[in-house]
Amino acid sequence: MSVDNIVAVVMNFLNSFGNYSNTIIAIVNIILVILIFLQLRDSRKPIITTKIISGNKEVTDRSDILESGKLYIVINNESKNIAKSLEIKYRFNFDNSSKKVKQDILSHLNPEEATEILLKTKSIIAKYPDIFEKMVEDNLTKTIPKKTLKIDLIITVRYNPIFTNLFKYKIEDNYVIEWGSLESYPNFEDHPVFNCWNKRNDDFYIYKTGKAIQEVKITREHFIDFCDFDISEVVFLCKVECPPIVIVLENVPDGERGISKDAEEKCDEAYFG
């Protein structure tokens, strides 16, 4: 190929590029705008979490590996951003089939807000009546499984669509529910017996960890002993189980606090006997 032919090919390519240059620039600009939009959207993404708690707990309490009794699903917005158009649903996987139990739409969840939903199991009784039996004791009727059931619970939350109901964020959590039978739990008064394990893939226990710092105010009911002296006070604190806290200790010499040597000896006598 001669030099003239090479030059002709290059010029044809440049002319073709010039004809489509506006289109190419427009496509590149659109891609850049989409990338910027996605980054901006992601920076405002709410942090939504789920957990299962028993009926004797508050929404703000931490979920344990095992929760028992009446069970509630808690949807929590742990971020500083508003979660919008939340689509909350849960389903049971049982006996090789899936049963969608409930689907709710929540308009929004403000920063550091939470909501709870009672876990309903009546749909399982309606769909599989043959594996349950009605037991009566002291004029009280209860529907109890003939054998202890293992049910997989899947909770799905979709939120913050880009347009109408499209392109929502999505989270999914898995739990394992044990529904006890009289054979496993002979005490009729205990029924219905629900144990919910925060367990995934049969082998992995999932711990709900919180990083929030809680301010603790110690009041008199936390004390297990209290001794008064002329100047000094001796306080014995009991061990309290609570979320992560920050305790600031300041070392102040006895002399600066006005505690005399005599008072210090009394403290030693009270502490050591």
C-alpha atoms as a PDB file:
ATOM      1  CA  MET A   1       0.000   0.000   0.000  1.00  0.00           C
ATOM      2  CA  SER A   2       1.408   3.344  -1.062  1.00  0.00           C
ATOM      3  CA  VAL A   3       1.743   6.402   1.121  1.00  0.00           C
ATOM      4  CA  ASP A   4      -1.056   8.109  -0.807  1.00  0.00           C
ATOM      5  CA  ASN A   5      -3.424   5.233  -0.082  1.00  0.00           C
ATOM      6  CA  ILE A   6      -2.542   5.330   3.618  1.00  0.00           C
ATOM      7  CA  VAL A   7      -3.169   9.062   3.743  1.00  0.00           C
ATOM      8  CA  ALA A   8      -6.497   8.575   1.961  1.00  0.00           C
ATOM      9  CA  VAL A   9      -7.611   5.924   4.474  1.00  0.00           C
ATOM     10  CA  VAL A  10      -6.646   8.125   7.442  1.00  0.00           C
ATOM     11  CA  MET A  11      -8.465  11.126   5.987  1.00  0.00           C
ATOM     12  CA  ASN A  12     -11.585   9.052   5.372  1.00  0.00           C
ATOM     13  CA  PHE A  13     -11.484   7.869   8.969  1.00  0.00           C
ATOM     14  CA  LEU A  14     -11.112  11.416  10.265  1.00  0.00           C
ATOM     15  CA  ASN A  15     -13.964  12.608   8.078  1.00  0.00           C
ATOM     16  CA  SER A  16     -16.158   9.779   9.363  1.00  0.00           C
ATOM     17  CA  PHE A  17     -15.216  10.614  12.929  1.00  0.00           C
ATOM     18  CA  GLY A  18     -16.074  14.244  12.303  1.00  0.00           C
ATOM     19  CA  ASN A  19     -19.499  13.278  11.044  1.00  0.00           C
ATOM     20  CA  TYR A  20     -20.253  11.317  14.224  1.00  0.00           C
ATOM     21  CA  SER A  21     -18.255  13.438  16.661  1.00  0.00           C
ATOM     22  CA  ASN A  22     -21.316  15.252  18.011  1.00  0.00           C
ATOM     23  CA  THR A  23     -23.068  11.947  18.643  1.00  0.00           C
ATOM     24  CA  ILE A  24     -20.017  10.475  20.395  1.00  0.00           C
ATOM     25  CA  ILE A  25     -19.592  13.579  22.576  1.00  0.00           C
ATOM     26  CA  ALA A  26     -23.292  13.475  23.482  1.00  0.00           C
ATOM     27  CA  ILE A  27     -23.045   9.792  24.507  1.00  0.00           C
ATOM     28  CA  VAL A  28     -19.938  10.478  26.615  1.00  0.00           C
ATOM     29  CA  ASN A  29     -21.682  13.406  28.334  1.00  0.00           C
ATOM     30  CA  ILE A  30     -24.726  11.259  29.078  1.00  0.00           C
ATOM     31  CA  ILE A  31     -22.508   8.569  30.623  1.00  0.00           C
ATOM     32  CA  LEU A  32     -20.743  11.173  32.776  1.00  0.00           C
ATOM     33  CA  VAL A  33     -24.064  12.614  33.933  1.00  0.00           C
ATOM     34  CA  ILE A  34     -25.320   9.118  34.866  1.00  0.00           C
ATOM     35  CA  LEU A  35     -22.133   8.368  36.815  1.00  0.00           C
ATOM     36  CA  ILE A  36     -22.363  11.661  38.715  1.00  0.00           C
ATOM     37  CA  PHE A  37     -26.038  11.048  39.444  1.00  0.00           C
ATOM     38  CA  LEU A  38     -25.360   7.524  40.748  1.00  0.00           C
ATOM     39  CA  GLN A  39     -22.557   8.783  42.993  1.00  0.00           C
ATOM     40  CA  LEU A  40     -24.793  11.531  44.354  1.00  0.00           C
ATOM     41  CA  ARG A  41     -27.627   9.069  44.904  1.00  0.00           C
ATOM     42  CA  ASP A  42     -25.333   6.614  46.647  1.00  0.00           C
ATOM     43  CA  SER A  43     -24.060   9.357  48.983  1.00  0.00           C
ATOM     44  CA  ARG A  44     -27.648   9.905  50.121  1.00  0.00           C
ATOM     45  CA  LYS A  45     -28.494   6.219  50.419  1.00  0.00           C
ATOM     46  CA  PRO A  46     -30.287   5.368  53.697  1.00  0.00           C
ATOM     47  CA  ILE A  47     -28.923   2.493  55.764  1.00  0.00           C
ATOM     48  CA  ILE A  48     -31.851   0.136  56.355  1.00  0.00           C
ATOM     49  CA  THR A  49     -31.490  -2.887  58.638  1.00  0.00           C
ATOM     50  CA  THR A  50     -33.844  -5.586  59.877  1.00  0.00           C
ATOM     51  CA  LYS A  51     -33.987  -7.655  63.030  1.00  0.00           C
ATOM     52  CA  ILE A  52     -36.317  -9.993  64.908  1.00  0.00           C
ATOM     53  CA  ILE A  53     -37.217  -9.227  68.517  1.00  0.00           C
ATOM     54  CA  SER A  54     -39.491 -10.924  71.032  1.00  0.00           C
ATOM     55  CA  GLY A  55     -42.596  -9.229  72.399  1.00  0.00           C
ATOM     56  CA  ASN A  56     -40.993  -8.308  75.715  1.00  0.00           C
ATOM     57  CA  LYS A  57     -38.352  -6.142  74.024  1.00  0.00           C
ATOM     58  CA  GLU A  58     -38.430  -2.555  72.866  1.00  0.00           C
ATOM     59  CA  VAL A  59     -37.797  -1.606  69.254  1.00  0.00           C
ATOM     60  CA  THR A  60     -34.487  -0.039  70.289  1.00  0.00           C
ATOM     61  CA  ASP A  61     -33.239  -3.221  72.007  1.00  0.00           C
ATOM     62  CA  ARG A  62     -30.583  -5.321  70.382  1.00  0.00           C
ATOM     63  CA  SER A  63     -31.617  -8.572  68.740  1.00  0.00           C
ATOM     64  CA  ASP A  64     -30.085 -11.772  70.109  1.00  0.00           C
ATOM     65  CA  ILE A  65     -29.080 -14.871  68.196  1.00  0.00           C
ATOM     66  CA  LEU A  66     -32.177 -16.585  69.610  1.00  0.00           C
ATOM     67  CA  GLU A  67     -35.470 -14.758  70.106  1.00  0.00           C
ATOM     68  CA  SER A  68     -38.477 -16.562  71.562  1.00  0.00           C
ATOM     69  CA  GLY A  69     -42.185 -15.948  72.122  1.00  0.00           C
ATOM     70  CA  LYS A  70     -44.285 -13.513  70.121  1.00  0.00           C
ATOM     71  CA  LEU A  71     -42.005 -12.296  67.346  1.00  0.00           C
ATOM     72  CA  TYR A  72     -41.802  -8.903  65.654  1.00  0.00           C
ATOM     73  CA  ILE A  73     -39.926  -7.742  62.570  1.00  0.00           C
ATOM     74  CA  VAL A  74     -38.182  -4.401  63.082  1.00  0.00           C
ATOM     75  CA  ILE A  75     -37.220  -2.179  60.160  1.00  0.00           C
ATOM     76  CA  ASN A  76     -34.694   0.451  61.205  1.00  0.00           C
ATOM     77  CA  ASN A  77     -33.239   3.487  59.419  1.00  0.00           C
ATOM     78  CA  GLU A  78     -29.779   3.864  60.945  1.00  0.00           C
ATOM     79  CA  SER A  79     -28.643   6.698  58.696  1.00  0.00           C
ATOM     80  CA  LYS A  80     -29.094  10.467  58.535  1.00  0.00           C
ATOM     81  CA  ASN A  81     -31.016  10.177  55.257  1.00  0.00           C
ATOM     82  CA  ILE A  82     -34.733   9.676  54.661  1.00  0.00           C
ATOM     83  CA  ALA A  83     -35.856   6.299  53.310  1.00  0.00           C
ATOM     84  CA  LYS A  84     -38.787   6.663  50.891  1.00  0.00           C
ATOM     85  CA  SER A  85     -41.403   4.308  49.436  1.00  0.00           C
ATOM     86  CA  LEU A  86     -40.386   1.304  51.517  1.00  0.00           C
ATOM     87  CA  GLU A  87     -41.782  -1.969  50.214  1.00  0.00           C
ATOM     88  CA  ILE A  88     -41.645  -4.423  53.113  1.00  0.00           C
ATOM     89  CA  LYS A  89     -42.509  -8.072  52.630  1.00  0.00           C
ATOM     90  CA  TYR A  90     -41.699 -11.388  54.224  1.00  0.00           C
ATOM     91  CA  ARG A  91     -42.276 -14.955  53.174  1.00  0.00           C
ATOM     92  CA  PHE A  92     -41.945 -18.433  54.620  1.00  0.00           C
ATOM     93  CA  ASN A  93     -40.090 -21.241  52.886  1.00  0.00           C
ATOM     94  CA  PHE A  94     -41.585 -24.446  54.158  1.00  0.00           C
ATOM     95  CA  ASP A  95     -41.984 -27.951  52.788  1.00  0.00           C
ATOM     96  CA  ASN A  96     -40.202 -27.033  49.519  1.00  0.00           C
ATOM     97  CA  SER A  97     -42.632 -24.224  48.797  1.00  0.00           C
ATOM     98  CA  SER A  98     -42.672 -20.480  49.332  1.00  0.00           C
ATOM     99  CA  LYS A  99     -45.532 -18.581  50.937  1.00  0.00           C
ATOM    100  CA  LYS A 100     -45.635 -14.784  50.732  1.00  0.00           C
ATOM    101  CA  VAL A 101     -47.317 -13.746  53.950  1.00  0.00           C
ATOM    102  CA  LYS A 102     -47.409  -9.992  53.970  1.00  0.00           C
ATOM    103  CA  GLN A 103     -46.443  -6.993  51.894  1.00  0.00           C
ATOM    104  CA  ASP A 104     -46.686  -3.447  53.192  1.00  0.00           C
ATOM    105  CA  ILE A 105     -45.828  -0.069  51.704  1.00  0.00           C
ATOM    106  CA  LEU A 106     -44.425   2.538  54.078  1.00  0.00           C
ATOM    107  CA  SER A 107     -44.334   6.079  52.688  1.00  0.00           C
ATOM    108  CA  HIS A 108     -41.082   7.024  54.418  1.00  0.00           C
ATOM    109  CA  LEU A 109     -38.856   6.372  57.396  1.00  0.00           C
ATOM    110  CA  ASN A 110     -37.054   9.386  58.799  1.00  0.00           C
ATOM    111  CA  PRO A 111     -33.457   9.267  60.078  1.00  0.00           C
ATOM    112  CA  GLU A 112     -33.040   7.115  63.204  1.00  0.00           C
ATOM    113  CA  GLU A 113     -36.653   5.918  63.072  1.00  0.00           C
ATOM    114  CA  ALA A 114     -37.876   2.323  63.235  1.00  0.00           C
ATOM    115  CA  THR A 115     -41.116   0.433  62.779  1.00  0.00           C
ATOM    116  CA  GLU A 116     -42.203  -3.063  63.801  1.00  0.00           C
ATOM    117  CA  ILE A 117     -44.483  -5.678  62.231  1.00  0.00           C
ATOM    118  CA  LEU A 118     -46.025  -8.629  64.060  1.00  0.00           C
ATOM    119  CA  LEU A 119     -44.933 -11.909  62.481  1.00  0.00           C
ATOM    120  CA  LYS A 120     -48.105 -13.729  61.404  1.00  0.00           C
ATOM    121  CA  THR A 121     -48.150 -17.510  61.012  1.00  0.00           C
ATOM    122  CA  LYS A 122     -51.858 -18.180  60.437  1.00  0.00           C
ATOM    123  CA  SER A 123     -51.260 -18.557  56.707  1.00  0.00           C
ATOM    124  CA  ILE A 124     -49.153 -21.667  57.376  1.00  0.00           C
ATOM    125  CA  ILE A 125     -51.981 -23.223  59.380  1.00  0.00           C
ATOM    126  CA  ALA A 126     -54.432 -22.433  56.567  1.00  0.00           C
ATOM    127  CA  LYS A 127     -52.168 -23.885  53.872  1.00  0.00           C
ATOM    128  CA  TYR A 128     -51.050 -27.010  55.773  1.00  0.00           C
ATOM    129  CA  PRO A 129     -53.930 -27.976  58.125  1.00  0.00           C
ATOM    130  CA  ASP A 130     -52.954 -31.667  58.153  1.00  0.00           C
ATOM    131  CA  ILE A 131     -49.719 -31.064  60.071  1.00  0.00           C
ATOM    132  CA  PHE A 132     -51.488 -29.266  62.931  1.00  0.00           C
ATOM    133  CA  GLU A 133     -53.836 -30.401  65.652  1.00  0.00           C
ATOM    134  CA  LYS A 134     -56.218 -28.499  67.894  1.00  0.00           C
ATOM    135  CA  MET A 135     -55.617 -29.161  71.572  1.00  0.00           C
ATOM    136  CA  VAL A 136     -58.007 -28.153  74.351  1.00  0.00           C
ATOM    137  CA  GLU A 137     -57.117 -27.659  77.983  1.00  0.00           C
ATOM    138  CA  ASP A 138     -59.201 -25.796  80.577  1.00  0.00           C
ATOM    139  CA  ASN A 139     -61.593 -24.606  77.835  1.00  0.00           C
ATOM    140  CA  LEU A 140     -58.623 -23.084  75.990  1.00  0.00           C
ATOM    141  CA  THR A 141     -58.051 -24.219  72.392  1.00  0.00           C
ATOM    142  CA  LYS A 142     -54.677 -23.958  70.728  1.00  0.00           C
ATOM    143  CA  THR A 143     -53.485 -25.022  67.282  1.00  0.00           C
ATOM    144  CA  ILE A 144     -50.155 -26.801  67.697  1.00  0.00           C
ATOM    145  CA  PRO A 145     -47.929 -28.587  65.165  1.00  0.00           C
ATOM    146  CA  LYS A 146     -47.948 -32.371  65.413  1.00  0.00           C
ATOM    147  CA  LYS A 147     -44.172 -32.271  65.029  1.00  0.00           C
ATOM    148  CA  THR A 148     -41.778 -29.382  65.573  1.00  0.00           C
ATOM    149  CA  LEU A 149     -41.493 -27.373  62.360  1.00  0.00           C
ATOM    150  CA  LYS A 150     -38.461 -25.678  60.865  1.00  0.00           C
ATOM    151  CA  ILE A 151     -39.387 -22.681  58.715  1.00  0.00           C
ATOM    152  CA  ASP A 152     -37.104 -20.376  56.757  1.00  0.00           C
ATOM    153  CA  LEU A 153     -38.097 -16.714  57.014  1.00  0.00           C
ATOM    154  CA  ILE A 154     -36.963 -14.282  54.311  1.00  0.00           C
ATOM    155  CA  ILE A 155     -37.460 -10.545  54.852  1.00  0.00           C
ATOM    156  CA  THR A 156     -37.062  -8.201  51.901  1.00  0.00           C
ATOM    157  CA  VAL A 157     -37.070  -4.403  51.977  1.00  0.00           C
ATOM    158  CA  ARG A 158     -36.961  -2.296  48.805  1.00  0.00           C
ATOM    159  CA  TYR A 159     -36.737   1.485  49.057  1.00  0.00           C
ATOM    160  CA  ASN A 160     -35.830   4.819  47.418  1.00  0.00           C
ATOM    161  CA  PRO A 161     -36.781   4.335  43.760  1.00  0.00           C
ATOM    162  CA  ILE A 162     -35.240   6.518  41.072  1.00  0.00           C
ATOM    163  CA  PHE A 163     -38.529   6.931  39.233  1.00  0.00           C
ATOM    164  CA  THR A 164     -42.011   5.786  40.341  1.00  0.00           C
ATOM    165  CA  ASN A 165     -41.342   2.231  41.585  1.00  0.00           C
ATOM    166  CA  LEU A 166     -38.229   1.479  39.541  1.00  0.00           C
ATOM    167  CA  PHE A 167     -34.592   0.817  40.490  1.00  0.00           C
ATOM    168  CA  LYS A 168     -35.060   0.597  44.246  1.00  0.00           C
ATOM    169  CA  TYR A 169     -32.353  -0.349  46.698  1.00  0.00           C
ATOM    170  CA  LYS A 170     -32.891  -3.806  48.134  1.00  0.00           C
ATOM    171  CA  ILE A 171     -31.847  -5.666  51.275  1.00  0.00           C
ATOM    172  CA  GLU A 172     -32.707  -9.231  52.249  1.00  0.00           C
ATOM    173  CA  ASP A 173     -32.295 -11.019  55.571  1.00  0.00           C
ATOM    174  CA  ASN A 174     -32.786 -14.684  56.466  1.00  0.00           C
ATOM    175  CA  TYR A 175     -33.921 -16.283  59.709  1.00  0.00           C
ATOM    176  CA  VAL A 176     -34.867 -19.782  60.865  1.00  0.00           C
ATOM    177  CA  ILE A 177     -38.030 -20.260  62.932  1.00  0.00           C
ATOM    178  CA  GLU A 178     -38.711 -23.303  65.093  1.00  0.00           C
ATOM    179  CA  TRP A 179     -42.402 -23.846  65.812  1.00  0.00           C
ATOM    180  CA  GLY A 180     -42.556 -26.222  68.747  1.00  0.00           C
ATOM    181  CA  SER A 181     -44.831 -29.243  69.173  1.00  0.00           C
ATOM    182  CA  LEU A 182     -46.225 -30.779  72.347  1.00  0.00           C
ATOM    183  CA  GLU A 183     -43.760 -33.605  71.901  1.00  0.00           C
ATOM    184  CA  SER A 184     -40.844 -31.167  72.176  1.00  0.00           C
ATOM    185  CA  TYR A 185     -42.518 -28.790  74.649  1.00  0.00           C
ATOM    186  CA  PRO A 186     -44.979 -30.782  76.811  1.00  0.00           C
ATOM    187  CA  ASN A 187     -46.220 -27.794  78.865  1.00  0.00           C
ATOM    188  CA  PHE A 188     -49.509 -26.697  77.241  1.00  0.00           C
ATOM    189  CA  GLU A 189     -49.298 -23.226  78.778  1.00  0.00           C
ATOM    190  CA  ASP A 190     -46.083 -22.468  76.895  1.00  0.00           C
ATOM    191  CA  HIS A 191     -47.719 -22.792  73.477  1.00  0.00           C
ATOM    192  CA  PRO A 192     -47.476 -21.464  70.878  1.00  0.00           C
ATOM    193  CA  VAL A 193     -43.706 -21.876  71.072  1.00  0.00           C
ATOM    194  CA  PHE A 194     -41.708 -19.853  68.548  1.00  0.00           C
ATOM    195  CA  ASN A 195     -37.929 -19.770  68.518  1.00  0.00           C
ATOM    196  CA  CYS A 196     -36.275 -17.596  65.886  1.00  0.00           C
ATOM    197  CA  TRP A 197     -32.619 -18.194  65.103  1.00  0.00           C
ATOM    198  CA  ASN A 198     -30.630 -15.515  63.334  1.00  0.00           C
ATOM    199  CA  LYS A 199     -29.013 -18.130  61.143  1.00  0.00           C
ATOM    200  CA  ARG A 200     -28.003 -18.258  57.495  1.00  0.00           C
ATOM    201  CA  ASN A 201     -27.083 -21.139  55.169  1.00  0.00           C
ATOM    202  CA  ASP A 202     -27.663 -23.634  58.007  1.00  0.00           C
ATOM    203  CA  ASP A 203     -24.139 -23.155  59.366  1.00  0.00           C
ATOM    204  CA  PHE A 204     -23.678 -19.445  60.043  1.00  0.00           C
ATOM    205  CA  TYR A 205     -25.077 -17.598  63.059  1.00  0.00           C
ATOM    206  CA  ILE A 206     -25.483 -13.894  62.337  1.00  0.00           C
ATOM    207  CA  TYR A 207     -24.820 -11.360  65.086  1.00  0.00           C
ATOM    208  CA  LYS A 208     -26.517  -7.973  64.925  1.00  0.00           C
ATOM    209  CA  THR A 209     -23.796  -5.526  65.884  1.00  0.00           C
ATOM    210  CA  GLY A 210     -24.430  -1.893  66.630  1.00  0.00           C
ATOM    211  CA  LYS A 211     -21.816   0.850  66.590  1.00  0.00           C
ATOM    212  CA  ALA A 212     -23.894   3.517  68.272  1.00  0.00           C
ATOM    213  CA  ILE A 213     -22.496   5.037  71.445  1.00  0.00           C
ATOM    214  CA  GLN A 214     -24.953   5.154  74.293  1.00  0.00           C
ATOM    215  CA  GLU A 215     -24.787   7.708  77.071  1.00  0.00           C
ATOM    216  CA  VAL A 216     -25.362   6.050  80.436  1.00  0.00           C
ATOM    217  CA  LYS A 217     -26.658   7.932  83.442  1.00  0.00           C
ATOM    218  CA  ILE A 218     -25.986   6.023  86.645  1.00  0.00           C
ATOM    219  CA  THR A 219     -28.791   6.423  89.164  1.00  0.00           C
ATOM    220  CA  ARG A 220     -29.322   5.090  92.654  1.00  0.00           C
ATOM    221  CA  GLU A 221     -31.108   1.905  91.499  1.00  0.00           C
ATOM    222  CA  HIS A 222     -27.844   0.765  89.861  1.00  0.00           C
ATOM    223  CA  PHE A 223     -26.141   0.697  93.278  1.00  0.00           C
ATOM    224  CA  ILE A 224     -25.915  -2.518  95.278  1.00  0.00           C
ATOM    225  CA  ASP A 225     -24.301  -0.843  98.272  1.00  0.00           C
ATOM    226  CA  PHE A 226     -23.858   2.717  99.423  1.00  0.00           C
ATOM    227  CA  CYS A 227     -21.905   3.926 102.459  1.00  0.00           C
ATOM    228  CA  ASP A 228     -21.929   7.483 103.739  1.00  0.00           C
ATOM    229  CA  PHE A 229     -18.975   9.045 105.538  1.00  0.00           C
ATOM    230  CA  ASP A 230     -18.324  12.557 106.765  1.00  0.00           C
ATOM    231  CA  ILE A 231     -16.732  13.599 103.466  1.00  0.00           C
ATOM    232  CA  SER A 232     -16.157  10.631 101.187  1.00  0.00           C
ATOM    233  CA  GLU A 233     -18.560   8.187  99.633  1.00  0.00           C
ATOM    234  CA  VAL A 234     -17.965   4.589  98.646  1.00  0.00           C
ATOM    235  CA  VAL A 235     -20.126   3.184  95.878  1.00  0.00           C
ATOM    236  CA  PHE A 236     -20.172  -0.414  94.656  1.00  0.00           C
ATOM    237  CA  LEU A 237     -21.647  -0.794  91.175  1.00  0.00           C
ATOM    238  CA  CYS A 238     -23.243  -3.917  89.797  1.00  0.00           C
ATOM    239  CA  LYS A 239     -22.311  -5.246  86.363  1.00  0.00           C
ATOM    240  CA  VAL A 240     -24.796  -4.092  83.711  1.00  0.00           C
ATOM    241  CA  GLU A 241     -25.238  -5.611  80.262  1.00  0.00           C
ATOM    242  CA  CYS A 242     -25.814  -2.842  77.719  1.00  0.00           C
ATOM    243  CA  PRO A 243     -24.835  -1.624  74.237  1.00  0.00           C
ATOM    244  CA  PRO A 244     -21.390  -0.052  73.740  1.00  0.00           C
ATOM    245  CA  ILE A 245     -20.868   2.951  76.007  1.00  0.00           C
ATOM    246  CA  VAL A 246     -18.203   5.517  76.622  1.00  0.00           C
ATOM    247  CA  ILE A 247     -17.141   6.067  80.224  1.00  0.00           C
ATOM    248  CA  VAL A 248     -14.794   8.939  80.986  1.00  0.00           C
ATOM    249  CA  LEU A 249     -12.757   8.536  84.146  1.00  0.00           C
ATOM    250  CA  GLU A 250     -10.906  11.421  85.707  1.00  0.00           C
ATOM    251  CA  ASN A 251      -8.189  10.827  88.274  1.00  0.00           C
ATOM    252  CA  VAL A 252      -8.594  13.412  91.052  1.00  0.00           C
ATOM    253  CA  PRO A 253      -6.311  13.168  94.107  1.00  0.00           C
ATOM    254  CA  ASP A 254      -8.050  12.764  97.466  1.00  0.00           C
ATOM    255  CA  GLY A 255      -6.550  16.018  98.676  1.00  0.00           C
ATOM    256  CA  GLU A 256      -8.174  17.982  95.846  1.00  0.00           C
ATOM    257  CA  ARG A 257     -11.532  16.367  96.621  1.00  0.00           C
ATOM    258  CA  GLY A 258     -11.246  17.317 100.295  1.00  0.00           C
ATOM    259  CA  ILE A 259     -10.961  13.737 101.562  1.00  0.00           C
ATOM    260  CA  SER A 260      -8.952  13.493 104.726  1.00  0.00           C
ATOM    261  CA  LYS A 261      -6.634  10.686 105.755  1.00  0.00           C
ATOM    262  CA  ASP A 262      -9.126   9.664 108.426  1.00  0.00           C
ATOM    263  CA  ALA A 263     -11.926   9.314 105.869  1.00  0.00           C
ATOM    264  CA  GLU A 264      -9.639   7.263 103.611  1.00  0.00           C
ATOM    265  CA  GLU A 265      -8.953   4.831 106.477  1.00  0.00           C
ATOM    266  CA  LYS A 266     -12.722   4.479 107.015  1.00  0.00           C
ATOM    267  CA  CYS A 267     -13.130   3.627 103.320  1.00  0.00           C
ATOM    268  CA  ASP A 268     -10.479   0.930 103.635  1.00  0.00           C
ATOM    269  CA  GLU A 269     -12.249  -0.513 106.677  1.00  0.00           C
ATOM    270  CA  ALA A 270     -15.600  -0.563 104.831  1.00  0.00           C
ATOM    271  CA  TYR A 271     -14.134  -2.168 101.730  1.00  0.00           C
ATOM    272  CA  PHE A 272     -11.745  -4.696 103.250  1.00  0.00           C
ATOM    273  CA  GLY A 273     -13.650  -5.376 106.441  1.00  0.00           C
END
